[in-house]
N, C-alpha and C. Protein backbone atom coordinates (compact mmCIF):
# COMPACT_ATOMS: atom_id res chain seq x y z
N MET A 1 5.03 13.37 20.26
CA MET A 1 4.33 12.84 19.08
C MET A 1 2.88 12.53 19.44
N PRO A 2 1.90 13.09 18.73
CA PRO A 2 0.49 12.82 19.01
C PRO A 2 0.17 11.34 18.89
N ASP A 3 -0.83 10.90 19.67
CA ASP A 3 -1.23 9.50 19.68
C ASP A 3 -2.25 9.25 18.57
N PHE A 4 -1.88 8.44 17.56
CA PHE A 4 -2.79 8.13 16.46
C PHE A 4 -3.66 6.92 16.78
N ASN A 5 -3.37 6.21 17.84
CA ASN A 5 -4.06 4.96 18.13
C ASN A 5 -5.58 5.06 18.20
N PRO A 6 -6.16 6.15 18.73
CA PRO A 6 -7.63 6.20 18.76
C PRO A 6 -8.28 6.13 17.37
N TYR A 7 -7.52 6.41 16.31
CA TYR A 7 -8.07 6.37 14.96
C TYR A 7 -7.96 4.98 14.33
N LEU A 8 -7.16 4.10 14.93
CA LEU A 8 -6.97 2.77 14.37
C LEU A 8 -8.09 1.82 14.79
N LEU A 9 -8.56 1.02 13.84
CA LEU A 9 -9.65 0.09 14.09
C LEU A 9 -9.17 -1.33 14.35
N THR A 10 -7.87 -1.55 14.24
CA THR A 10 -7.30 -2.89 14.42
C THR A 10 -6.60 -3.02 15.77
N THR A 11 -6.32 -4.26 16.12
CA THR A 11 -5.46 -4.59 17.26
C THR A 11 -4.34 -5.46 16.72
N PRO A 12 -3.27 -5.65 17.47
CA PRO A 12 -2.22 -6.56 16.98
C PRO A 12 -2.75 -7.94 16.65
N SER A 13 -3.68 -8.43 17.44
CA SER A 13 -4.25 -9.76 17.20
C SER A 13 -5.06 -9.81 15.91
N SER A 14 -5.92 -8.81 15.69
CA SER A 14 -6.73 -8.81 14.46
C SER A 14 -5.86 -8.58 13.23
N LEU A 15 -4.80 -7.79 13.39
CA LEU A 15 -3.89 -7.55 12.28
C LEU A 15 -3.12 -8.83 11.93
N ALA A 16 -2.68 -9.57 12.94
CA ALA A 16 -2.00 -10.83 12.69
C ALA A 16 -2.92 -11.82 11.99
N GLN A 17 -4.19 -11.83 12.38
CA GLN A 17 -5.15 -12.71 11.75
C GLN A 17 -5.33 -12.35 10.28
N ALA A 18 -5.44 -11.05 9.98
CA ALA A 18 -5.60 -10.61 8.60
C ALA A 18 -4.37 -10.95 7.76
N MET A 19 -3.18 -10.83 8.35
CA MET A 19 -1.96 -11.06 7.59
C MET A 19 -1.73 -12.53 7.25
N LYS A 20 -2.48 -13.43 7.88
CA LYS A 20 -2.36 -14.84 7.52
C LYS A 20 -2.75 -15.06 6.06
N LEU A 21 -3.61 -14.18 5.53
CA LEU A 21 -4.03 -14.29 4.14
C LEU A 21 -2.89 -14.01 3.17
N LEU A 22 -1.86 -13.31 3.62
CA LEU A 22 -0.76 -12.97 2.73
C LEU A 22 -0.01 -14.23 2.28
N HIS A 23 -0.01 -15.27 3.10
CA HIS A 23 0.66 -16.50 2.72
C HIS A 23 0.00 -17.13 1.49
N THR A 24 -1.34 -17.16 1.48
CA THR A 24 -2.06 -17.88 0.44
C THR A 24 -2.60 -16.98 -0.67
N GLU A 25 -3.11 -15.81 -0.30
CA GLU A 25 -3.76 -14.93 -1.27
C GLU A 25 -2.83 -13.82 -1.78
N GLY A 26 -1.82 -13.50 -1.01
CA GLY A 26 -0.92 -12.41 -1.39
C GLY A 26 -1.44 -11.04 -1.02
N VAL A 27 -2.67 -10.97 -0.50
CA VAL A 27 -3.29 -9.69 -0.19
C VAL A 27 -4.33 -9.87 0.91
N ALA A 28 -4.52 -8.81 1.68
CA ALA A 28 -5.60 -8.77 2.68
C ALA A 28 -6.17 -7.36 2.67
N ALA A 29 -7.50 -7.24 2.79
CA ALA A 29 -8.17 -5.94 2.81
C ALA A 29 -9.03 -5.87 4.06
N PHE A 30 -8.92 -4.78 4.81
CA PHE A 30 -9.66 -4.65 6.06
C PHE A 30 -9.71 -3.18 6.50
N PRO A 31 -10.74 -2.79 7.25
CA PRO A 31 -10.81 -1.42 7.77
C PRO A 31 -9.66 -1.19 8.75
N LEU A 32 -8.96 -0.08 8.59
CA LEU A 32 -7.81 0.22 9.45
C LEU A 32 -7.95 1.55 10.19
N VAL A 33 -8.41 2.59 9.47
CA VAL A 33 -8.47 3.94 10.05
C VAL A 33 -9.91 4.44 10.01
N ASN A 34 -10.38 5.04 11.09
CA ASN A 34 -11.75 5.54 11.11
C ASN A 34 -11.90 6.86 10.35
N HIS A 35 -13.13 7.35 10.25
CA HIS A 35 -13.42 8.54 9.44
C HIS A 35 -12.60 9.75 9.89
N ASP A 36 -12.55 10.01 11.19
CA ASP A 36 -11.83 11.18 11.69
C ASP A 36 -10.34 11.09 11.35
N GLY A 37 -9.78 9.90 11.48
CA GLY A 37 -8.37 9.73 11.14
C GLY A 37 -8.10 9.99 9.67
N CYS A 38 -8.99 9.49 8.80
CA CYS A 38 -8.84 9.72 7.36
C CYS A 38 -8.90 11.21 7.03
N GLN A 39 -9.81 11.92 7.67
CA GLN A 39 -9.94 13.35 7.40
C GLN A 39 -8.69 14.12 7.82
N LYS A 40 -8.13 13.77 8.94
CA LYS A 40 -6.90 14.44 9.39
C LYS A 40 -5.73 14.12 8.47
N MET A 41 -5.66 12.87 8.00
CA MET A 41 -4.59 12.51 7.07
C MET A 41 -4.78 13.20 5.73
N LEU A 42 -6.03 13.32 5.28
CA LEU A 42 -6.30 14.02 4.02
C LEU A 42 -5.84 15.47 4.08
N ALA A 43 -6.08 16.12 5.21
CA ALA A 43 -5.66 17.51 5.35
C ALA A 43 -4.15 17.64 5.20
N ALA A 44 -3.41 16.66 5.73
CA ALA A 44 -1.95 16.67 5.59
C ALA A 44 -1.53 16.38 4.16
N VAL A 45 -2.20 15.41 3.52
CA VAL A 45 -1.87 15.06 2.14
C VAL A 45 -2.07 16.24 1.20
N ASN A 46 -3.09 17.04 1.45
CA ASN A 46 -3.39 18.18 0.58
C ASN A 46 -2.28 19.22 0.56
N ASN A 47 -1.38 19.17 1.54
CA ASN A 47 -0.27 20.12 1.59
C ASN A 47 1.02 19.57 0.98
N LEU A 48 0.95 18.38 0.40
CA LEU A 48 2.16 17.77 -0.15
C LEU A 48 2.45 18.26 -1.57
N PRO A 49 3.72 18.19 -1.99
CA PRO A 49 4.11 18.61 -3.35
C PRO A 49 3.89 17.50 -4.37
N PHE A 50 2.77 17.52 -5.06
CA PHE A 50 2.45 16.47 -6.04
C PHE A 50 3.04 16.81 -7.41
N ARG A 51 3.28 15.76 -8.19
CA ARG A 51 3.70 15.88 -9.58
C ARG A 51 3.00 14.80 -10.39
N ALA A 52 2.92 15.00 -11.68
CA ALA A 52 2.33 13.99 -12.56
C ALA A 52 3.29 12.81 -12.66
N CYS A 53 2.76 11.60 -12.69
CA CYS A 53 3.61 10.42 -12.82
C CYS A 53 4.07 10.28 -14.27
N THR A 54 5.09 9.46 -14.49
CA THR A 54 5.52 9.11 -15.84
C THR A 54 4.46 8.21 -16.46
N PRO A 55 3.90 8.57 -17.63
CA PRO A 55 2.76 7.81 -18.19
C PRO A 55 3.05 6.35 -18.47
N VAL A 56 4.27 6.03 -18.89
CA VAL A 56 4.63 4.63 -19.20
C VAL A 56 6.00 4.34 -18.61
N VAL A 57 6.11 3.25 -17.86
CA VAL A 57 7.40 2.85 -17.29
C VAL A 57 7.63 1.38 -17.59
N GLY A 58 8.87 0.94 -17.44
CA GLY A 58 9.19 -0.47 -17.67
C GLY A 58 9.75 -0.71 -19.05
N PRO A 59 10.44 -1.84 -19.22
CA PRO A 59 11.07 -2.18 -20.50
C PRO A 59 10.05 -2.62 -21.54
N LYS A 60 10.47 -2.64 -22.79
CA LYS A 60 9.58 -3.05 -23.88
C LYS A 60 9.05 -4.45 -23.63
N GLY A 61 7.76 -4.59 -23.83
CA GLY A 61 7.10 -5.86 -23.59
C GLY A 61 6.60 -6.04 -22.17
N LYS A 62 7.07 -5.17 -21.27
CA LYS A 62 6.62 -5.22 -19.87
C LYS A 62 6.22 -3.82 -19.40
N GLU A 63 5.72 -3.03 -20.33
CA GLU A 63 5.36 -1.65 -20.00
C GLU A 63 4.21 -1.61 -19.00
N VAL A 64 4.25 -0.62 -18.14
CA VAL A 64 3.16 -0.36 -17.20
C VAL A 64 2.65 1.05 -17.48
N GLU A 65 1.37 1.16 -17.78
CA GLU A 65 0.74 2.45 -18.02
C GLU A 65 0.14 2.95 -16.71
N GLN A 66 0.33 4.24 -16.42
CA GLN A 66 -0.16 4.78 -15.17
C GLN A 66 -0.64 6.22 -15.35
N ASP A 67 -1.67 6.56 -14.58
CA ASP A 67 -2.34 7.86 -14.73
C ASP A 67 -2.74 8.38 -13.35
N PHE A 68 -1.79 9.02 -12.68
CA PHE A 68 -2.07 9.58 -11.35
C PHE A 68 -1.06 10.67 -11.04
N GLU A 69 -1.28 11.39 -9.95
CA GLU A 69 -0.32 12.34 -9.42
C GLU A 69 0.27 11.75 -8.15
N ILE A 70 1.54 12.08 -7.87
CA ILE A 70 2.23 11.43 -6.77
C ILE A 70 3.10 12.41 -5.99
N ALA A 71 3.19 12.18 -4.69
CA ALA A 71 4.14 12.88 -3.83
C ALA A 71 4.91 11.80 -3.08
N MET A 72 6.24 11.83 -3.19
CA MET A 72 7.06 10.74 -2.64
C MET A 72 8.11 11.24 -1.66
N ASN A 73 8.29 10.48 -0.57
CA ASN A 73 9.40 10.66 0.36
C ASN A 73 9.67 12.12 0.70
N PHE A 74 8.60 12.80 1.06
CA PHE A 74 8.63 14.21 1.44
C PHE A 74 9.13 14.34 2.88
N ASP A 75 9.55 15.57 3.24
CA ASP A 75 10.15 15.80 4.55
C ASP A 75 9.22 16.45 5.56
N GLN A 76 8.07 16.97 5.12
CA GLN A 76 7.20 17.70 6.03
C GLN A 76 6.69 16.80 7.15
N ALA A 77 6.86 17.27 8.37
CA ALA A 77 6.32 16.54 9.52
C ALA A 77 4.82 16.78 9.61
N SER A 78 4.06 15.72 9.88
CA SER A 78 2.61 15.85 9.96
C SER A 78 2.02 14.63 10.65
N ILE A 79 0.71 14.57 10.71
CA ILE A 79 0.02 13.43 11.30
C ILE A 79 0.28 12.14 10.51
N LEU A 80 0.76 12.27 9.28
CA LEU A 80 1.13 11.09 8.51
C LEU A 80 2.25 10.31 9.20
N ASP A 81 3.15 11.03 9.86
CA ASP A 81 4.22 10.38 10.62
C ASP A 81 3.66 9.65 11.84
N ASP A 82 2.65 10.25 12.48
CA ASP A 82 2.04 9.63 13.65
C ASP A 82 1.29 8.36 13.25
N TYR A 83 0.62 8.41 12.09
CA TYR A 83 -0.04 7.22 11.56
C TYR A 83 0.98 6.11 11.33
N GLN A 84 2.10 6.45 10.67
CA GLN A 84 3.11 5.44 10.37
C GLN A 84 3.65 4.83 11.65
N ALA A 85 3.94 5.64 12.65
CA ALA A 85 4.50 5.13 13.91
C ALA A 85 3.51 4.19 14.61
N ALA A 86 2.23 4.56 14.64
CA ALA A 86 1.23 3.73 15.30
C ALA A 86 1.02 2.42 14.55
N PHE A 87 0.98 2.50 13.21
CA PHE A 87 0.78 1.31 12.41
C PHE A 87 1.99 0.38 12.50
N GLU A 88 3.19 0.94 12.45
CA GLU A 88 4.40 0.12 12.59
C GLU A 88 4.43 -0.61 13.93
N LYS A 89 4.00 0.07 14.99
CA LYS A 89 3.98 -0.57 16.31
C LYS A 89 3.07 -1.79 16.29
N GLN A 90 1.87 -1.63 15.69
CA GLN A 90 0.95 -2.77 15.59
C GLN A 90 1.52 -3.89 14.73
N ILE A 91 2.18 -3.53 13.63
CA ILE A 91 2.75 -4.54 12.75
C ILE A 91 3.81 -5.36 13.49
N ASN A 92 4.68 -4.68 14.22
CA ASN A 92 5.70 -5.41 14.97
C ASN A 92 5.09 -6.33 16.01
N GLN A 93 4.04 -5.86 16.67
CA GLN A 93 3.36 -6.70 17.66
C GLN A 93 2.67 -7.88 16.97
N ALA A 94 2.08 -7.62 15.79
CA ALA A 94 1.42 -8.69 15.04
C ALA A 94 2.43 -9.71 14.53
N PHE A 95 3.55 -9.25 13.99
CA PHE A 95 4.60 -10.16 13.54
C PHE A 95 5.05 -11.07 14.68
N ALA A 96 5.19 -10.50 15.89
CA ALA A 96 5.65 -11.28 17.04
C ALA A 96 4.64 -12.35 17.43
N LEU A 97 3.35 -12.09 17.15
CA LEU A 97 2.30 -13.07 17.45
C LEU A 97 2.26 -14.20 16.43
N MET A 98 2.82 -13.96 15.24
CA MET A 98 2.74 -14.93 14.15
C MET A 98 3.94 -15.88 14.18
N GLU A 99 4.14 -16.55 15.28
CA GLU A 99 5.32 -17.40 15.46
C GLU A 99 5.42 -18.51 14.41
N PRO A 100 6.54 -18.58 13.67
CA PRO A 100 7.65 -17.62 13.71
C PRO A 100 7.29 -16.32 12.98
N SER A 101 7.94 -15.24 13.33
CA SER A 101 7.67 -13.97 12.68
C SER A 101 7.94 -14.09 11.18
N PRO A 102 7.05 -13.54 10.32
CA PRO A 102 7.24 -13.65 8.88
C PRO A 102 8.36 -12.75 8.34
N TYR A 103 8.90 -11.89 9.21
CA TYR A 103 9.99 -11.02 8.77
C TYR A 103 10.77 -10.59 10.01
N ALA A 104 12.02 -10.22 9.79
CA ALA A 104 12.89 -9.85 10.90
C ALA A 104 12.35 -8.64 11.66
N LEU A 105 12.47 -8.68 12.97
CA LEU A 105 12.05 -7.59 13.84
C LEU A 105 13.27 -6.85 14.37
N PRO A 106 13.17 -5.56 14.65
CA PRO A 106 12.00 -4.71 14.44
C PRO A 106 11.84 -4.32 12.97
N PHE A 107 10.58 -4.13 12.57
CA PHE A 107 10.26 -3.77 11.19
C PHE A 107 9.85 -2.30 11.13
N SER A 108 10.28 -1.61 10.07
CA SER A 108 9.83 -0.23 9.86
C SER A 108 9.82 0.08 8.38
N PHE A 109 8.94 1.00 7.98
CA PHE A 109 8.86 1.46 6.60
C PHE A 109 9.88 2.57 6.36
N ASN A 110 10.40 2.65 5.15
CA ASN A 110 11.31 3.74 4.81
C ASN A 110 10.98 4.38 3.45
N ASP A 111 9.81 4.05 2.92
CA ASP A 111 9.38 4.59 1.63
C ASP A 111 7.90 4.95 1.74
N LYS A 112 7.56 6.18 1.42
CA LYS A 112 6.17 6.62 1.56
C LYS A 112 5.75 7.42 0.33
N ALA A 113 4.47 7.33 -0.01
CA ALA A 113 3.97 8.04 -1.18
C ALA A 113 2.47 8.26 -1.06
N ALA A 114 2.02 9.43 -1.47
CA ALA A 114 0.60 9.72 -1.60
C ALA A 114 0.26 9.77 -3.08
N LEU A 115 -0.85 9.15 -3.46
CA LEU A 115 -1.26 9.09 -4.86
C LEU A 115 -2.68 9.64 -5.02
N VAL A 116 -2.87 10.41 -6.08
CA VAL A 116 -4.19 10.94 -6.41
C VAL A 116 -4.58 10.46 -7.80
N TYR A 117 -5.65 9.68 -7.87
CA TYR A 117 -6.24 9.28 -9.14
C TYR A 117 -7.44 10.17 -9.39
N LYS A 118 -7.35 11.06 -10.38
CA LYS A 118 -8.45 11.95 -10.68
C LYS A 118 -9.65 11.17 -11.22
N GLU A 119 -10.83 11.73 -11.07
CA GLU A 119 -12.02 11.08 -11.62
C GLU A 119 -11.84 10.83 -13.11
N GLY A 120 -12.10 9.61 -13.55
CA GLY A 120 -11.91 9.26 -14.95
C GLY A 120 -10.51 8.81 -15.29
N SER A 121 -9.61 8.78 -14.31
CA SER A 121 -8.25 8.30 -14.54
C SER A 121 -8.25 6.88 -15.10
N LYS A 122 -7.25 6.58 -15.90
CA LYS A 122 -7.09 5.22 -16.43
C LYS A 122 -6.50 4.28 -15.37
N GLY A 123 -6.07 4.82 -14.24
CA GLY A 123 -5.52 3.99 -13.17
C GLY A 123 -4.11 3.55 -13.47
N ILE A 124 -3.81 2.29 -13.20
CA ILE A 124 -2.50 1.72 -13.49
C ILE A 124 -2.69 0.28 -13.92
N THR A 125 -1.95 -0.13 -14.94
CA THR A 125 -2.12 -1.48 -15.50
C THR A 125 -1.40 -2.52 -14.63
N PRO A 126 -1.69 -3.81 -14.83
CA PRO A 126 -1.12 -4.86 -13.97
C PRO A 126 0.41 -4.80 -13.89
N HIS A 127 0.90 -4.91 -12.66
CA HIS A 127 2.34 -4.88 -12.41
C HIS A 127 2.62 -5.51 -11.06
N ARG A 128 3.88 -5.76 -10.80
CA ARG A 128 4.32 -6.20 -9.48
C ARG A 128 5.30 -5.18 -8.93
N ASP A 129 5.27 -4.95 -7.62
CA ASP A 129 6.24 -4.05 -7.02
C ASP A 129 7.65 -4.63 -7.17
N LEU A 130 8.63 -3.76 -7.22
CA LEU A 130 10.01 -4.18 -7.43
C LEU A 130 10.50 -5.10 -6.31
N LEU A 131 11.51 -5.88 -6.62
CA LEU A 131 12.06 -6.84 -5.67
C LEU A 131 12.68 -6.17 -4.45
N CYS A 132 13.05 -4.91 -4.56
CA CYS A 132 13.66 -4.22 -3.43
C CYS A 132 12.64 -3.90 -2.32
N PHE A 133 11.35 -4.03 -2.62
CA PHE A 133 10.33 -3.77 -1.61
C PHE A 133 9.96 -5.08 -0.92
N GLU A 134 10.33 -5.19 0.35
CA GLU A 134 10.19 -6.45 1.06
C GLU A 134 9.10 -6.42 2.14
N ALA A 135 8.74 -7.61 2.57
CA ALA A 135 7.81 -7.86 3.68
C ALA A 135 6.38 -7.53 3.31
N ILE A 136 5.97 -6.28 3.44
CA ILE A 136 4.59 -5.90 3.15
C ILE A 136 4.53 -4.54 2.47
N ILE A 137 3.55 -4.39 1.61
CA ILE A 137 3.22 -3.11 0.98
C ILE A 137 1.86 -2.70 1.51
N ALA A 138 1.77 -1.51 2.09
CA ALA A 138 0.56 -1.07 2.79
C ALA A 138 -0.05 0.13 2.08
N ILE A 139 -1.24 -0.05 1.51
CA ILE A 139 -1.91 1.02 0.76
C ILE A 139 -3.23 1.35 1.44
N LEU A 140 -3.33 2.53 2.00
CA LEU A 140 -4.52 2.98 2.70
C LEU A 140 -5.30 3.96 1.83
N THR A 141 -6.57 3.67 1.57
CA THR A 141 -7.42 4.60 0.84
C THR A 141 -7.96 5.65 1.81
N LEU A 142 -7.78 6.92 1.44
CA LEU A 142 -8.25 8.01 2.29
C LEU A 142 -9.57 8.59 1.80
N SER A 143 -9.80 8.56 0.49
CA SER A 143 -11.05 9.08 -0.05
C SER A 143 -11.25 8.54 -1.46
N GLY A 144 -12.49 8.61 -1.96
CA GLY A 144 -12.77 8.29 -3.34
C GLY A 144 -13.19 6.86 -3.59
N GLU A 145 -13.32 6.54 -4.88
CA GLU A 145 -13.78 5.22 -5.30
C GLU A 145 -12.97 4.75 -6.51
N ALA A 146 -12.57 3.50 -6.49
CA ALA A 146 -11.85 2.89 -7.61
C ALA A 146 -11.81 1.39 -7.37
N GLY A 147 -11.55 0.64 -8.43
CA GLY A 147 -11.40 -0.80 -8.30
C GLY A 147 -9.94 -1.15 -8.10
N PHE A 148 -9.64 -1.89 -7.03
CA PHE A 148 -8.29 -2.39 -6.79
C PHE A 148 -8.33 -3.90 -7.02
N TYR A 149 -7.46 -4.39 -7.91
CA TYR A 149 -7.53 -5.78 -8.33
C TYR A 149 -6.20 -6.50 -8.13
N ILE A 150 -6.29 -7.76 -7.75
CA ILE A 150 -5.16 -8.68 -7.75
C ILE A 150 -5.40 -9.68 -8.88
N CYS A 151 -4.36 -10.03 -9.62
CA CYS A 151 -4.52 -10.97 -10.73
C CYS A 151 -3.29 -11.85 -10.85
N ASP A 152 -3.33 -12.77 -11.80
CA ASP A 152 -2.24 -13.75 -11.94
C ASP A 152 -1.12 -13.29 -12.86
N ASP A 153 -1.44 -12.33 -13.75
CA ASP A 153 -0.45 -11.94 -14.75
C ASP A 153 -0.83 -10.60 -15.37
N ARG A 154 -0.06 -10.17 -16.38
CA ARG A 154 -0.30 -8.88 -17.02
C ARG A 154 -1.57 -8.86 -17.86
N GLU A 155 -2.10 -10.02 -18.15
CA GLU A 155 -3.33 -10.11 -18.96
C GLU A 155 -4.59 -10.09 -18.09
N LYS A 156 -4.44 -9.86 -16.80
CA LYS A 156 -5.55 -9.75 -15.85
C LYS A 156 -6.29 -11.07 -15.63
N ASN A 157 -5.64 -12.19 -15.89
CA ASN A 157 -6.28 -13.48 -15.65
C ASN A 157 -6.55 -13.67 -14.15
N ASN A 158 -7.73 -14.25 -13.87
CA ASN A 158 -8.14 -14.54 -12.50
C ASN A 158 -8.14 -13.28 -11.63
N SER A 159 -8.67 -12.19 -12.16
CA SER A 159 -8.74 -10.93 -11.40
C SER A 159 -9.70 -11.05 -10.23
N ARG A 160 -9.27 -10.50 -9.09
CA ARG A 160 -10.12 -10.44 -7.90
C ARG A 160 -10.17 -9.00 -7.42
N ARG A 161 -11.39 -8.49 -7.26
CA ARG A 161 -11.56 -7.10 -6.84
C ARG A 161 -11.61 -7.02 -5.32
N TYR A 162 -10.91 -6.03 -4.77
CA TYR A 162 -10.89 -5.83 -3.32
C TYR A 162 -11.44 -4.46 -2.98
N SER A 163 -12.15 -4.41 -1.87
CA SER A 163 -12.71 -3.15 -1.41
C SER A 163 -11.60 -2.15 -1.13
N ALA A 164 -11.74 -0.96 -1.67
CA ALA A 164 -10.77 0.10 -1.41
C ALA A 164 -11.51 1.37 -1.02
N GLU A 165 -12.42 1.23 -0.06
CA GLU A 165 -13.19 2.36 0.43
C GLU A 165 -12.33 3.18 1.40
N PRO A 166 -12.72 4.43 1.70
CA PRO A 166 -11.96 5.24 2.65
C PRO A 166 -11.78 4.51 3.99
N GLY A 167 -10.55 4.49 4.46
CA GLY A 167 -10.23 3.84 5.72
C GLY A 167 -9.81 2.40 5.58
N VAL A 168 -9.94 1.82 4.37
CA VAL A 168 -9.60 0.42 4.15
C VAL A 168 -8.13 0.27 3.77
N MET A 169 -7.47 -0.65 4.42
CA MET A 169 -6.09 -0.98 4.12
C MET A 169 -6.03 -2.15 3.14
N ILE A 170 -5.26 -1.96 2.06
CA ILE A 170 -4.90 -3.07 1.18
C ILE A 170 -3.46 -3.44 1.52
N LEU A 171 -3.28 -4.61 2.11
CA LEU A 171 -1.96 -5.06 2.51
C LEU A 171 -1.52 -6.16 1.56
N MET A 172 -0.40 -5.96 0.88
CA MET A 172 0.10 -6.94 -0.08
C MET A 172 1.42 -7.54 0.39
N ARG A 173 1.65 -8.75 -0.07
CA ARG A 173 2.90 -9.45 0.26
C ARG A 173 4.04 -8.91 -0.57
N GLY A 174 5.09 -8.48 0.10
CA GLY A 174 6.32 -8.10 -0.59
C GLY A 174 7.27 -9.28 -0.62
N ARG A 175 8.39 -9.08 -1.25
CA ARG A 175 9.40 -10.14 -1.31
C ARG A 175 9.85 -10.53 0.09
N ASN A 176 10.06 -11.81 0.30
CA ASN A 176 10.60 -12.37 1.54
C ASN A 176 9.64 -12.31 2.72
N PHE A 177 8.36 -12.07 2.48
CA PHE A 177 7.40 -12.24 3.56
C PHE A 177 7.28 -13.74 3.81
N ALA A 178 7.61 -14.16 5.03
CA ALA A 178 7.62 -15.58 5.39
C ALA A 178 8.48 -16.40 4.42
N GLY A 179 9.52 -15.76 3.88
CA GLY A 179 10.44 -16.46 2.99
C GLY A 179 9.95 -16.64 1.57
N LEU A 180 8.78 -16.07 1.24
CA LEU A 180 8.21 -16.22 -0.10
C LEU A 180 8.77 -15.15 -1.04
N GLU A 181 9.09 -15.55 -2.26
CA GLU A 181 9.64 -14.63 -3.24
C GLU A 181 8.57 -13.96 -4.10
N GLN A 182 7.48 -14.66 -4.35
CA GLN A 182 6.47 -14.18 -5.29
C GLN A 182 5.71 -12.99 -4.73
N ARG A 183 5.51 -11.97 -5.59
CA ARG A 183 4.68 -10.81 -5.24
C ARG A 183 3.48 -10.79 -6.17
N PRO A 184 2.33 -10.34 -5.69
CA PRO A 184 1.12 -10.38 -6.52
C PRO A 184 1.09 -9.29 -7.59
N TYR A 185 0.58 -9.63 -8.78
CA TYR A 185 0.25 -8.61 -9.76
C TYR A 185 -0.98 -7.87 -9.26
N HIS A 186 -1.02 -6.56 -9.50
CA HIS A 186 -2.17 -5.78 -9.07
C HIS A 186 -2.36 -4.59 -10.00
N TYR A 187 -3.57 -4.05 -10.02
CA TYR A 187 -3.86 -2.88 -10.86
C TYR A 187 -5.04 -2.12 -10.30
N VAL A 188 -5.20 -0.89 -10.78
CA VAL A 188 -6.31 -0.01 -10.39
C VAL A 188 -7.01 0.45 -11.65
N GLU A 189 -8.34 0.37 -11.65
CA GLU A 189 -9.12 0.89 -12.76
C GLU A 189 -10.52 1.24 -12.26
N GLY A 190 -11.31 1.86 -13.13
CA GLY A 190 -12.68 2.23 -12.75
C GLY A 190 -12.72 3.32 -11.70
N VAL A 191 -11.96 4.39 -11.91
CA VAL A 191 -11.93 5.49 -10.95
C VAL A 191 -13.16 6.37 -11.18
N SER A 192 -14.24 6.08 -10.48
CA SER A 192 -15.50 6.79 -10.66
C SER A 192 -15.57 8.06 -9.84
N LYS A 193 -14.68 8.19 -8.87
CA LYS A 193 -14.60 9.39 -8.03
C LYS A 193 -13.16 9.54 -7.60
N GLU A 194 -12.65 10.77 -7.62
CA GLU A 194 -11.24 10.97 -7.29
C GLU A 194 -10.82 10.15 -6.07
N ARG A 195 -9.77 9.36 -6.24
CA ARG A 195 -9.29 8.49 -5.16
C ARG A 195 -7.92 8.96 -4.69
N ILE A 196 -7.79 9.09 -3.38
CA ILE A 196 -6.52 9.46 -2.76
C ILE A 196 -6.08 8.32 -1.86
N GLY A 197 -4.87 7.86 -2.08
CA GLY A 197 -4.33 6.77 -1.28
C GLY A 197 -2.98 7.15 -0.69
N TYR A 198 -2.62 6.46 0.38
CA TYR A 198 -1.33 6.71 1.04
C TYR A 198 -0.64 5.37 1.24
N GLY A 199 0.57 5.23 0.68
CA GLY A 199 1.27 3.96 0.69
C GLY A 199 2.57 3.99 1.46
N LEU A 200 2.86 2.87 2.14
CA LEU A 200 4.11 2.68 2.87
C LEU A 200 4.76 1.38 2.42
N ARG A 201 6.08 1.42 2.22
CA ARG A 201 6.82 0.23 1.82
C ARG A 201 8.18 0.22 2.52
N TYR A 202 8.82 -0.95 2.52
CA TYR A 202 10.17 -1.08 3.03
C TYR A 202 11.10 -1.40 1.89
N ASN A 203 12.03 -0.50 1.60
CA ASN A 203 12.97 -0.64 0.50
C ASN A 203 14.33 -1.08 1.07
N VAL A 204 14.74 -2.29 0.70
CA VAL A 204 16.03 -2.78 1.20
C VAL A 204 17.20 -2.13 0.47
N LYS A 205 16.84 -1.27 -0.51
CA LYS A 205 17.84 -0.48 -1.24
C LYS A 205 18.83 -1.34 -2.02
N GLU A 206 18.31 -2.44 -2.54
CA GLU A 206 19.09 -3.21 -3.49
C GLU A 206 19.10 -2.43 -4.81
N PRO A 207 20.04 -2.73 -5.71
CA PRO A 207 20.00 -2.08 -7.02
C PRO A 207 18.65 -2.28 -7.69
N VAL A 208 18.08 -1.22 -8.24
CA VAL A 208 16.77 -1.31 -8.86
C VAL A 208 16.88 -2.17 -10.12
N GLU A 209 16.08 -3.24 -10.16
CA GLU A 209 16.12 -4.15 -11.30
C GLU A 209 15.04 -3.75 -12.31
N LYS A 210 15.08 -4.40 -13.44
CA LYS A 210 14.07 -4.13 -14.46
C LYS A 210 12.70 -4.55 -13.95
N ALA A 211 11.67 -3.83 -14.39
CA ALA A 211 10.31 -4.18 -14.01
C ALA A 211 9.99 -5.58 -14.51
N THR A 212 9.19 -6.32 -13.70
CA THR A 212 8.87 -7.70 -14.07
C THR A 212 7.37 -7.90 -14.12
């Protein structure tokens, strides 16, 4: 397996420091992958089988509108696997430094997706990730420009914009991070240039509940 570590800009210590924000803010944003690493990951993403997303999901009154293309849980081996392995290693080391660990060790992701928001896309409206996604949700921007926001509710109250430039990781709190149940509402809008992101999550494979 190729070594992805030279492309990572973090250390276990700096990652643990960044993740302290998940307790209070629910999100942390920081540079994770350098330019060369992003370019190599983009080349792999371009070979994935994308499809258009479902325009509206969720029950009546809690609908989520979304406008992107997605490739999910694909089997092709690529540098994306090397990125995941290197990042998981750092996460486990960071969790161990955060005594007590905010989640059971060893930790690994089992859900992956690449998303493409075309220029002028409407993005995705405020929502929370499902309860089956635990610990952390990791969204790495590989290219493009868009606004990534955390807010208090579906009405976008108290919206906070986070940098989502190429190479920047948006790390969000999933269910049961440090025993916390609450997950942050978040949305994407203002796609001024095609944005490509790569996301990793841990799905405990509980029955899928209604969107909240």
